[in-house]
Amino acid sequence: MKLVVDSYLHGAQTCEVQKGKILGVSIHQGACDSIHLFINDDHKVTVEVSQGISRISLMQKKNIEDIDYILPFMKCLGVSEGQVLKNYSII
């Protein structure tokens, strides 16, 4: 996802509009990088990445309509689709 790459490169929050929704990514770098996804200013997901291993540390305000944005975000960070769907209680 372009937003994740742009956030890493520029060290800031990046946003773009897709299908009428404002998508934002913010990265806090440290011993463990925390990557946050916002949809229309609602914090939806945080993924922590440490030593090449990704894990979901937060999923809130789950809305099935957001899955088309959340899945690509999670996949680009190395989180499996099955893990995401399990958190959504779809599988």
PDB file of N, CA and C in Angstrom:
ATOM      1  N   MET A   1       0.844  -1.175   0.000  1.00  0.00           N
ATOM      2  CA  MET A   1       0.000   0.000   0.000  1.00  0.00           C
ATOM      3  C   MET A   1       0.889   1.238   0.000  1.00  0.00           C
ATOM      4  N   LYS A   2       0.625   2.102  -0.936  1.00  0.00           N
ATOM      5  CA  LYS A   2       1.413   3.316  -1.133  1.00  0.00           C
ATOM      6  C   LYS A   2       1.467   4.172   0.132  1.00  0.00           C
ATOM      7  N   LEU A   3       0.403   4.220   0.880  1.00  0.00           N
ATOM      8  CA  LEU A   3       0.374   5.045   2.095  1.00  0.00           C
ATOM      9  C   LEU A   3       1.414   4.601   3.119  1.00  0.00           C
ATOM     10  N   VAL A   4       1.600   3.310   3.258  1.00  0.00           N
ATOM     11  CA  VAL A   4       2.572   2.785   4.224  1.00  0.00           C
ATOM     12  C   VAL A   4       3.980   3.185   3.797  1.00  0.00           C
ATOM     13  N   VAL A   5       4.287   3.003   2.520  1.00  0.00           N
ATOM     14  CA  VAL A   5       5.614   3.354   2.010  1.00  0.00           C
ATOM     15  C   VAL A   5       5.855   4.853   2.177  1.00  0.00           C
ATOM     16  N   ASP A   6       4.890   5.674   1.809  1.00  0.00           N
ATOM     17  CA  ASP A   6       5.038   7.123   1.933  1.00  0.00           C
ATOM     18  C   ASP A   6       5.252   7.543   3.381  1.00  0.00           C
ATOM     19  N   SER A   7       4.558   6.911   4.309  1.00  0.00           N
ATOM     20  CA  SER A   7       4.722   7.244   5.725  1.00  0.00           C
ATOM     21  C   SER A   7       6.131   6.916   6.201  1.00  0.00           C
ATOM     22  N   TYR A   8       6.655   5.759   5.791  1.00  0.00           N
ATOM     23  CA  TYR A   8       8.033   5.397   6.162  1.00  0.00           C
ATOM     24  C   TYR A   8       9.030   6.380   5.555  1.00  0.00           C
ATOM     25  N   LEU A   9       8.849   6.717   4.282  1.00  0.00           N
ATOM     26  CA  LEU A   9       9.805   7.586   3.592  1.00  0.00           C
ATOM     27  C   LEU A   9       9.805   9.009   4.137  1.00  0.00           C
ATOM     28  N   HIS A  10       8.621   9.513   4.469  1.00  0.00           N
ATOM     29  CA  HIS A  10       8.505  10.907   4.890  1.00  0.00           C
ATOM     30  C   HIS A  10       8.429  11.074   6.401  1.00  0.00           C
ATOM     31  N   GLY A  11       8.269   9.979   7.122  1.00  0.00           N
ATOM     32  CA  GLY A  11       8.222  10.058   8.581  1.00  0.00           C
ATOM     33  C   GLY A  11       7.041  10.851   9.099  1.00  0.00           C
ATOM     34  N   ALA A  12       5.941  10.777   8.394  1.00  0.00           N
ATOM     35  CA  ALA A  12       4.760  11.553   8.785  1.00  0.00           C
ATOM     36  C   ALA A  12       3.496  10.779   8.459  1.00  0.00           C
ATOM     37  N   GLN A  13       2.373  11.340   8.873  1.00  0.00           N
ATOM     38  CA  GLN A  13       1.093  10.733   8.521  1.00  0.00           C
ATOM     39  C   GLN A  13       0.793  11.070   7.068  1.00  0.00           C
ATOM     40  N   THR A  14       0.310  10.090   6.328  1.00  0.00           N
ATOM     41  CA  THR A  14      -0.077  10.314   4.945  1.00  0.00           C
ATOM     42  C   THR A  14      -1.544   9.964   4.784  1.00  0.00           C
ATOM     43  N   CYS A  15      -2.181  10.652   3.854  1.00  0.00           N
ATOM     44  CA  CYS A  15      -3.612  10.431   3.604  1.00  0.00           C
ATOM     45  C   CYS A  15      -3.880  10.427   2.109  1.00  0.00           C
ATOM     46  N   GLU A  16      -4.943   9.739   1.738  1.00  0.00           N
ATOM     47  CA  GLU A  16      -5.450   9.788   0.372  1.00  0.00           C
ATOM     48  C   GLU A  16      -6.926   9.442   0.397  1.00  0.00           C
ATOM     49  N   VAL A  17      -7.619   9.838  -0.655  1.00  0.00           N
ATOM     50  CA  VAL A  17      -9.047   9.557  -0.767  1.00  0.00           C
ATOM     51  C   VAL A  17      -9.225   8.426  -1.766  1.00  0.00           C
ATOM     52  N   GLN A  18      -9.986   7.391  -1.352  1.00  0.00           N
ATOM     53  CA  GLN A  18     -10.323   6.277  -2.232  1.00  0.00           C
ATOM     54  C   GLN A  18     -11.806   5.994  -2.087  1.00  0.00           C
ATOM     55  N   LYS A  19     -12.502   6.021  -3.203  1.00  0.00           N
ATOM     56  CA  LYS A  19     -13.935   5.720  -3.225  1.00  0.00           C
ATOM     57  C   LYS A  19     -14.701   6.529  -2.181  1.00  0.00           C
ATOM     58  N   GLY A  20     -14.330   7.789  -2.026  1.00  0.00           N
ATOM     59  CA  GLY A  20     -15.038   8.679  -1.114  1.00  0.00           C
ATOM     60  C   GLY A  20     -14.650   8.553   0.347  1.00  0.00           C
ATOM     61  N   LYS A  21     -13.682   7.704   0.671  1.00  0.00           N
ATOM     62  CA  LYS A  21     -13.238   7.549   2.055  1.00  0.00           C
ATOM     63  C   LYS A  21     -11.823   8.085   2.187  1.00  0.00           C
ATOM     64  N   ILE A  22     -11.564   8.748   3.302  1.00  0.00           N
ATOM     65  CA  ILE A  22     -10.228   9.262   3.579  1.00  0.00           C
ATOM     66  C   ILE A  22      -9.455   8.195   4.338  1.00  0.00           C
ATOM     67  N   LEU A  23      -8.361   7.723   3.724  1.00  0.00           N
ATOM     68  CA  LEU A  23      -7.511   6.718   4.338  1.00  0.00           C
ATOM     69  C   LEU A  23      -6.248   7.406   4.836  1.00  0.00           C
ATOM     70  N   GLY A  24      -5.865   7.105   6.065  1.00  0.00           N
ATOM     71  CA  GLY A  24      -4.661   7.691   6.630  1.00  0.00           C
ATOM     72  C   GLY A  24      -3.805   6.630   7.286  1.00  0.00           C
ATOM     73  N   VAL A  25      -2.493   6.803   7.171  1.00  0.00           N
ATOM     74  CA  VAL A  25      -1.543   5.904   7.821  1.00  0.00           C
ATOM     75  C   VAL A  25      -0.561   6.750   8.608  1.00  0.00           C
ATOM     76  N   SER A  26      -0.318   6.321   9.831  1.00  0.00           N
ATOM     77  CA  SER A  26       0.647   6.976  10.701  1.00  0.00           C
ATOM     78  C   SER A  26       1.573   5.902  11.250  1.00  0.00           C
ATOM     79  N   ILE A  27       2.867   6.202  11.272  1.00  0.00           N
ATOM     80  CA  ILE A  27       3.853   5.232  11.753  1.00  0.00           C
ATOM     81  C   ILE A  27       4.637   5.849  12.897  1.00  0.00           C
ATOM     82  N   HIS A  28       4.725   5.112  13.986  1.00  0.00           N
ATOM     83  CA  HIS A  28       5.564   5.500  15.118  1.00  0.00           C
ATOM     84  C   HIS A  28       6.699   4.491  15.182  1.00  0.00           C
ATOM     85  N   GLN A  29       7.908   4.979  14.919  1.00  0.00           N
ATOM     86  CA  GLN A  29       9.062   4.093  14.859  1.00  0.00           C
ATOM     87  C   GLN A  29       9.775   4.036  16.202  1.00  0.00           C
ATOM     88  N   GLY A  30      10.239   2.857  16.528  1.00  0.00           N
ATOM     89  CA  GLY A  30      10.970   2.630  17.759  1.00  0.00           C
ATOM     90  C   GLY A  30      11.509   1.221  17.749  1.00  0.00           C
ATOM     91  N   ALA A  31      11.695   0.631  18.928  1.00  0.00           N
ATOM     92  CA  ALA A  31      12.130  -0.763  19.008  1.00  0.00           C
ATOM     93  C   ALA A  31      11.160  -1.648  18.237  1.00  0.00           C
ATOM     94  N   CYS A  32       9.908  -1.246  18.246  1.00  0.00           N
ATOM     95  CA  CYS A  32       8.839  -1.923  17.510  1.00  0.00           C
ATOM     96  C   CYS A  32       8.087  -0.826  16.760  1.00  0.00           C
ATOM     97  N   ASP A  33       7.947  -0.960  15.450  1.00  0.00           N
ATOM     98  CA  ASP A  33       7.201   0.039  14.684  1.00  0.00           C
ATOM     99  C   ASP A  33       5.706  -0.213  14.832  1.00  0.00           C
ATOM    100  N   SER A  34       4.962   0.846  15.109  1.00  0.00           N
ATOM    101  CA  SER A  34       3.504   0.767  15.193  1.00  0.00           C
ATOM    102  C   SER A  34       2.933   1.510  14.001  1.00  0.00           C
ATOM    103  N   ILE A  35       2.188   0.780  13.169  1.00  0.00           N
ATOM    104  CA  ILE A  35       1.594   1.356  11.975  1.00  0.00           C
ATOM    105  C   ILE A  35       0.082   1.398  12.172  1.00  0.00           C
ATOM    106  N   HIS A  36      -0.486   2.588  12.084  1.00  0.00           N
ATOM    107  CA  HIS A  36      -1.907   2.813  12.366  1.00  0.00           C
ATOM    108  C   HIS A  36      -2.647   3.127  11.076  1.00  0.00           C
ATOM    109  N   LEU A  37      -3.817   2.531  10.896  1.00  0.00           N
ATOM    110  CA  LEU A  37      -4.687   2.824   9.756  1.00  0.00           C
ATOM    111  C   LEU A  37      -5.925   3.547  10.257  1.00  0.00           C
ATOM    112  N   PHE A  38      -6.233   4.667   9.599  1.00  0.00           N
ATOM    113  CA  PHE A  38      -7.429   5.448   9.896  1.00  0.00           C
ATOM    114  C   PHE A  38      -8.313   5.466   8.661  1.00  0.00           C
ATOM    115  N   ILE A  39      -9.612   5.326   8.864  1.00  0.00           N
ATOM    116  CA  ILE A  39     -10.584   5.458   7.787  1.00  0.00           C
ATOM    117  C   ILE A  39     -11.566   6.531   8.226  1.00  0.00           C
ATOM    118  N   ASN A  40     -11.629   7.608   7.450  1.00  0.00           N
ATOM    119  CA  ASN A  40     -12.470   8.765   7.795  1.00  0.00           C
ATOM    120  C   ASN A  40     -12.206   9.226   9.230  1.00  0.00           C
ATOM    121  N   ASP A  41     -10.942   9.346   9.580  1.00  0.00           N
ATOM    122  CA  ASP A  41     -10.480   9.817  10.902  1.00  0.00           C
ATOM    123  C   ASP A  41     -10.810   8.870  12.052  1.00  0.00           C
ATOM    124  N   ASP A  42     -11.302   7.678  11.770  1.00  0.00           N
ATOM    125  CA  ASP A  42     -11.528   6.668  12.810  1.00  0.00           C
ATOM    126  C   ASP A  42     -10.339   5.708  12.819  1.00  0.00           C
ATOM    127  N   HIS A  43      -9.704   5.564  13.973  1.00  0.00           N
ATOM    128  CA  HIS A  43      -8.585   4.639  14.113  1.00  0.00           C
ATOM    129  C   HIS A  43      -9.138   3.223  14.067  1.00  0.00           C
ATOM    130  N   LYS A  44      -8.750   2.472  13.043  1.00  0.00           N
ATOM    131  CA  LYS A  44      -9.304   1.135  12.829  1.00  0.00           C
ATOM    132  C   LYS A  44      -8.361   0.020  13.253  1.00  0.00           C
ATOM    133  N   VAL A  45      -7.072   0.146  12.903  1.00  0.00           N
ATOM    134  CA  VAL A  45      -6.142  -0.957  13.080  1.00  0.00           C
ATOM    135  C   VAL A  45      -4.759  -0.429  13.441  1.00  0.00           C
ATOM    136  N   THR A  46      -4.084  -1.167  14.316  1.00  0.00           N
ATOM    137  CA  THR A  46      -2.663  -0.945  14.561  1.00  0.00           C
ATOM    138  C   THR A  46      -1.949  -2.279  14.388  1.00  0.00           C
ATOM    139  N   VAL A  47      -0.880  -2.258  13.618  1.00  0.00           N
ATOM    140  CA  VAL A  47      -0.035  -3.429  13.430  1.00  0.00           C
ATOM    141  C   VAL A  47       1.342  -3.077  13.978  1.00  0.00           C
ATOM    142  N   GLU A  48       1.887  -3.968  14.780  1.00  0.00           N
ATOM    143  CA  GLU A  48       3.240  -3.786  15.294  1.00  0.00           C
ATOM    144  C   GLU A  48       4.178  -4.679  14.492  1.00  0.00           C
ATOM    145  N   VAL A  49       5.317  -4.095  14.079  1.00  0.00           N
ATOM    146  CA  VAL A  49       6.315  -4.835  13.318  1.00  0.00           C
ATOM    147  C   VAL A  49       7.638  -4.756  14.076  1.00  0.00           C
ATOM    148  N   SER A  50       8.182  -5.920  14.386  1.00  0.00           N
ATOM    149  CA  SER A  50       9.459  -5.993  15.087  1.00  0.00           C
ATOM    150  C   SER A  50      10.272  -7.137  14.499  1.00  0.00           C
ATOM    151  N   GLN A  51      11.470  -6.823  14.066  1.00  0.00           N
ATOM    152  CA  GLN A  51      12.388  -7.814  13.492  1.00  0.00           C
ATOM    153  C   GLN A  51      11.732  -8.623  12.379  1.00  0.00           C
ATOM    154  N   GLY A  52      10.969  -7.945  11.537  1.00  0.00           N
ATOM    155  CA  GLY A  52      10.341  -8.587  10.389  1.00  0.00           C
ATOM    156  C   GLY A  52       9.086  -9.386  10.688  1.00  0.00           C
ATOM    157  N   ILE A  53       8.640  -9.360  11.932  1.00  0.00           N
ATOM    158  CA  ILE A  53       7.429 -10.096  12.310  1.00  0.00           C
ATOM    159  C   ILE A  53       6.316  -9.097  12.617  1.00  0.00           C
ATOM    160  N   SER A  54       5.167  -9.309  11.996  1.00  0.00           N
ATOM    161  CA  SER A  54       4.015  -8.419  12.178  1.00  0.00           C
ATOM    162  C   SER A  54       2.953  -9.074  13.024  1.00  0.00           C
ATOM    163  N   ARG A  55       2.285  -8.258  13.839  1.00  0.00           N
ATOM    164  CA  ARG A  55       1.151  -8.769  14.616  1.00  0.00           C
ATOM    165  C   ARG A  55       0.133  -7.654  14.789  1.00  0.00           C
ATOM    166  N   ILE A  56      -1.128  -8.049  14.825  1.00  0.00           N
ATOM    167  CA  ILE A  56      -2.211  -7.096  15.061  1.00  0.00           C
ATOM    168  C   ILE A  56      -2.210  -6.759  16.547  1.00  0.00           C
ATOM    169  N   SER A  57      -2.086  -5.486  16.872  1.00  0.00           N
ATOM    170  CA  SER A  57      -2.142  -5.112  18.281  1.00  0.00           C
ATOM    171  C   SER A  57      -3.454  -4.415  18.627  1.00  0.00           C
ATOM    172  N   LEU A  58      -4.191  -3.971  17.597  1.00  0.00           N
ATOM    173  CA  LEU A  58      -5.467  -3.299  17.853  1.00  0.00           C
ATOM    174  C   LEU A  58      -6.353  -3.402  16.622  1.00  0.00           C
ATOM    175  N   MET A  59      -7.594  -3.796  16.825  1.00  0.00           N
ATOM    176  CA  MET A  59      -8.636  -3.714  15.800  1.00  0.00           C
ATOM    177  C   MET A  59      -9.875  -3.213  16.508  1.00  0.00           C
ATOM    178  N   GLN A  60     -10.365  -2.069  16.080  1.00  0.00           N
ATOM    179  CA  GLN A  60     -11.541  -1.513  16.737  1.00  0.00           C
ATOM    180  C   GLN A  60     -12.496  -0.939  15.702  1.00  0.00           C
ATOM    181  N   LYS A  61     -13.693  -0.668  16.143  1.00  0.00           N
ATOM    182  CA  LYS A  61     -14.736  -0.126  15.266  1.00  0.00           C
ATOM    183  C   LYS A  61     -14.842  -0.952  13.989  1.00  0.00           C
ATOM    184  N   LYS A  62     -14.948  -2.276  14.173  1.00  0.00           N
ATOM    185  CA  LYS A  62     -14.990  -3.198  13.032  1.00  0.00           C
ATOM    186  C   LYS A  62     -16.270  -2.987  12.237  1.00  0.00           C
ATOM    187  N   ASN A  63     -16.087  -2.750  10.960  1.00  0.00           N
ATOM    188  CA  ASN A  63     -17.191  -2.549  10.039  1.00  0.00           C
ATOM    189  C   ASN A  63     -16.857  -3.336   8.783  1.00  0.00           C
ATOM    190  N   ILE A  64     -17.682  -4.277   8.418  1.00  0.00           N
ATOM    191  CA  ILE A  64     -17.400  -5.146   7.279  1.00  0.00           C
ATOM    192  C   ILE A  64     -17.183  -4.345   5.992  1.00  0.00           C
ATOM    193  N   GLU A  65     -17.763  -3.158   5.906  1.00  0.00           N
ATOM    194  CA  GLU A  65     -17.579  -2.312   4.723  1.00  0.00           C
ATOM    195  C   GLU A  65     -16.135  -1.841   4.578  1.00  0.00           C
ATOM    196  N   ASP A  66     -15.370  -1.855   5.664  1.00  0.00           N
ATOM    197  CA  ASP A  66     -13.975  -1.403   5.639  1.00  0.00           C
ATOM    198  C   ASP A  66     -12.995  -2.497   5.249  1.00  0.00           C
ATOM    199  N   ILE A  67     -13.455  -3.721   5.114  1.00  0.00           N
ATOM    200  CA  ILE A  67     -12.561  -4.852   4.876  1.00  0.00           C
ATOM    201  C   ILE A  67     -11.766  -4.683   3.583  1.00  0.00           C
ATOM    202  N   ASP A  68     -12.337  -4.010   2.576  1.00  0.00           N
ATOM    203  CA  ASP A  68     -11.631  -3.797   1.314  1.00  0.00           C
ATOM    204  C   ASP A  68     -10.425  -2.876   1.473  1.00  0.00           C
ATOM    205  N   TYR A  69     -10.380  -2.103   2.529  1.00  0.00           N
ATOM    206  CA  TYR A  69      -9.240  -1.229   2.813  1.00  0.00           C
ATOM    207  C   TYR A  69      -8.290  -1.890   3.816  1.00  0.00           C
ATOM    208  N   ILE A  70      -8.862  -2.605   4.757  1.00  0.00           N
ATOM    209  CA  ILE A  70      -8.061  -3.212   5.821  1.00  0.00           C
ATOM    210  C   ILE A  70      -7.241  -4.394   5.304  1.00  0.00           C
ATOM    211  N   LEU A  71      -7.826  -5.236   4.468  1.00  0.00           N
ATOM    212  CA  LEU A  71      -7.091  -6.405   3.956  1.00  0.00           C
ATOM    213  C   LEU A  71      -5.801  -6.026   3.220  1.00  0.00           C
ATOM    214  N   PRO A  72      -5.835  -5.101   2.253  1.00  0.00           N
ATOM    215  CA  PRO A  72      -4.577  -4.753   1.574  1.00  0.00           C
ATOM    216  C   PRO A  72      -3.548  -4.134   2.530  1.00  0.00           C
ATOM    217  N   PHE A  73      -4.026  -3.328   3.475  1.00  0.00           N
ATOM    218  CA  PHE A  73      -3.135  -2.723   4.473  1.00  0.00           C
ATOM    219  C   PHE A  73      -2.423  -3.810   5.269  1.00  0.00           C
ATOM    220  N   MET A  74      -3.189  -4.765   5.767  1.00  0.00           N
ATOM    221  CA  MET A  74      -2.623  -5.838   6.577  1.00  0.00           C
ATOM    222  C   MET A  74      -1.700  -6.734   5.761  1.00  0.00           C
ATOM    223  N   LYS A  75      -2.113  -7.064   4.542  1.00  0.00           N
ATOM    224  CA  LYS A  75      -1.295  -7.944   3.695  1.00  0.00           C
ATOM    225  C   LYS A  75       0.058  -7.314   3.392  1.00  0.00           C
ATOM    226  N   CYS A  76       0.083  -6.008   3.131  1.00  0.00           N
ATOM    227  CA  CYS A  76       1.364  -5.374   2.802  1.00  0.00           C
ATOM    228  C   CYS A  76       2.288  -5.344   4.013  1.00  0.00           C
ATOM    229  N   LEU A  77       1.751  -5.546   5.209  1.00  0.00           N
ATOM    230  CA  LEU A  77       2.569  -5.597   6.427  1.00  0.00           C
ATOM    231  C   LEU A  77       2.865  -7.034   6.862  1.00  0.00           C
ATOM    232  N   GLY A  78       2.427  -8.004   6.062  1.00  0.00           N
ATOM    233  CA  GLY A  78       2.747  -9.398   6.345  1.00  0.00           C
ATOM    234  C   GLY A  78       1.755 -10.123   7.230  1.00  0.00           C
ATOM    235  N   VAL A  79       0.592  -9.537   7.455  1.00  0.00           N
ATOM    236  CA  VAL A  79      -0.452 -10.193   8.246  1.00  0.00           C
ATOM    237  C   VAL A  79      -1.334 -10.973   7.274  1.00  0.00           C
ATOM    238  N   SER A  80      -1.577 -12.234   7.572  1.00  0.00           N
ATOM    239  CA  SER A  80      -2.340 -13.080   6.649  1.00  0.00           C
ATOM    240  C   SER A  80      -3.818 -12.682   6.600  1.00  0.00           C
ATOM    241  N   GLU A  81      -4.408 -12.965   5.450  1.00  0.00           N
ATOM    242  CA  GLU A  81      -5.834 -12.693   5.270  1.00  0.00           C
ATOM    243  C   GLU A  81      -6.659 -13.484   6.283  1.00  0.00           C
ATOM    244  N   GLY A  82      -6.258 -14.722   6.535  1.00  0.00           N
ATOM    245  CA  GLY A  82      -6.975 -15.561   7.500  1.00  0.00           C
ATOM    246  C   GLY A  82      -6.983 -14.952   8.891  1.00  0.00           C
ATOM    247  N   GLN A  83      -5.867 -14.366   9.289  1.00  0.00           N
ATOM    248  CA  GLN A  83      -5.794 -13.741  10.612  1.00  0.00           C
ATOM    249  C   GLN A  83      -6.726 -12.530  10.696  1.00  0.00           C
ATOM    250  N   VAL A  84      -6.776 -11.772   9.629  1.00  0.00           N
ATOM    251  CA  VAL A  84      -7.662 -10.593   9.588  1.00  0.00           C
ATOM    252  C   VAL A  84      -9.121 -11.047   9.663  1.00  0.00           C
ATOM    253  N   LEU A  85      -9.488 -12.016   8.826  1.00  0.00           N
ATOM    254  CA  LEU A  85     -10.874 -12.485   8.801  1.00  0.00           C
ATOM    255  C   LEU A  85     -11.270 -13.126  10.129  1.00  0.00           C
ATOM    256  N   LYS A  86     -10.335 -13.791  10.776  1.00  0.00           N
ATOM    257  CA  LYS A  86     -10.607 -14.370  12.088  1.00  0.00           C
ATOM    258  C   LYS A  86     -10.930 -13.268  13.107  1.00  0.00           C
ATOM    259  N   ASN A  87     -10.191 -12.159  13.039  1.00  0.00           N
ATOM    260  CA  ASN A  87     -10.455 -11.030  13.933  1.00  0.00           C
ATOM    261  C   ASN A  87     -11.799 -10.382  13.641  1.00  0.00           C
ATOM    262  N   TYR A  88     -12.256 -10.513  12.397  1.00  0.00           N
ATOM    263  CA  TYR A  88     -13.570 -10.003  12.030  1.00  0.00           C
ATOM    264  C   TYR A  88     -14.669 -11.032  12.268  1.00  0.00           C
ATOM    265  N   SER A  89     -14.281 -12.219  12.719  1.00  0.00           N
ATOM    266  CA  SER A  89     -15.200 -13.336  12.965  1.00  0.00           C
ATOM    267  C   SER A  89     -15.946 -13.754  11.704  1.00  0.00           C
ATOM    268  N   ILE A  90     -15.241 -13.684  10.563  1.00  0.00           N
ATOM    269  CA  ILE A  90     -15.838 -14.103   9.297  1.00  0.00           C
ATOM    270  C   ILE A  90     -15.587 -15.574   9.050  1.00  0.00           C
ATOM    271  N   ILE A  91     -14.441 -16.086   9.531  1.00  0.00           N
ATOM    272  CA  ILE A  91     -14.152 -17.511   9.316  1.00  0.00           C
ATOM    273  C   ILE A  91     -14.189 -18.238  10.632  1.00  0.00           C
TER     274      ILE A  91
END
